[in-house]
Amino acid sequence: MVSQVGFGGSCHWCTEAVFQSLKGVLHVEQGWISSSERHLSFSEAVIVHFQPDAIALEVLIAIHLHTHSCTSKHSMRSKYRSAIYTFTDPQAQLSRQALANLQHEFRDEILTQVIPFQNFKLNQKRYLNYYYSNPDKPFCKNIVNPKLRLLLEQFSSAVDHGRLPAARLLEG
């Protein structure tokens, strides 16, 4: 069985690379997501297609929270909405419970919202799979690599080490 969930909160190149590096994730679509009512505007995000028997939604949520500024009220929040975009009511309930369970891992209040998924716009082809196509670009080395190092340090058992060799991150 394959499930899907959306995540937003940081540059979608970063978010895409994080989730592409995990066991049980089959595909990551990178672009912009919108919802309804208060969240009509599109915000950078990804849709993660995953196997729940290989990686639990709760683990994906924990990884998402730890790899972006989930407690920050920074000025770019409308472009980088901190969100879990859910596709079903049970998924929304599980996501809210996961946020509550993970709050103790953060000093400040988690600002990540659970929002129903509504619309998605895929990024241009040249920007898809950005990190794995351009690992030596300055953005990837300076911005994405620290998130992937954190992923290896805190969530090593969830990482697909064949896809994300630690040696690449230790080089620079």
Foldseek 3Di string as FASTA:
>chain_A
DKDKKKFFADAQLQVLVLLVFFPFWDDKFWFWFAADDPGRDTATMIMTIGDCVLPNPLRVLVLRPVLHPQQDPDPCCNNGPGEMADADPVSLVVNVVSQVVCQVVDPGRGNYYYGHTDDTDGDDPVCPVPCVVCVPDPCNLPPNLVSVVVCCVPPVVGGPCVSPPVVSSVVD
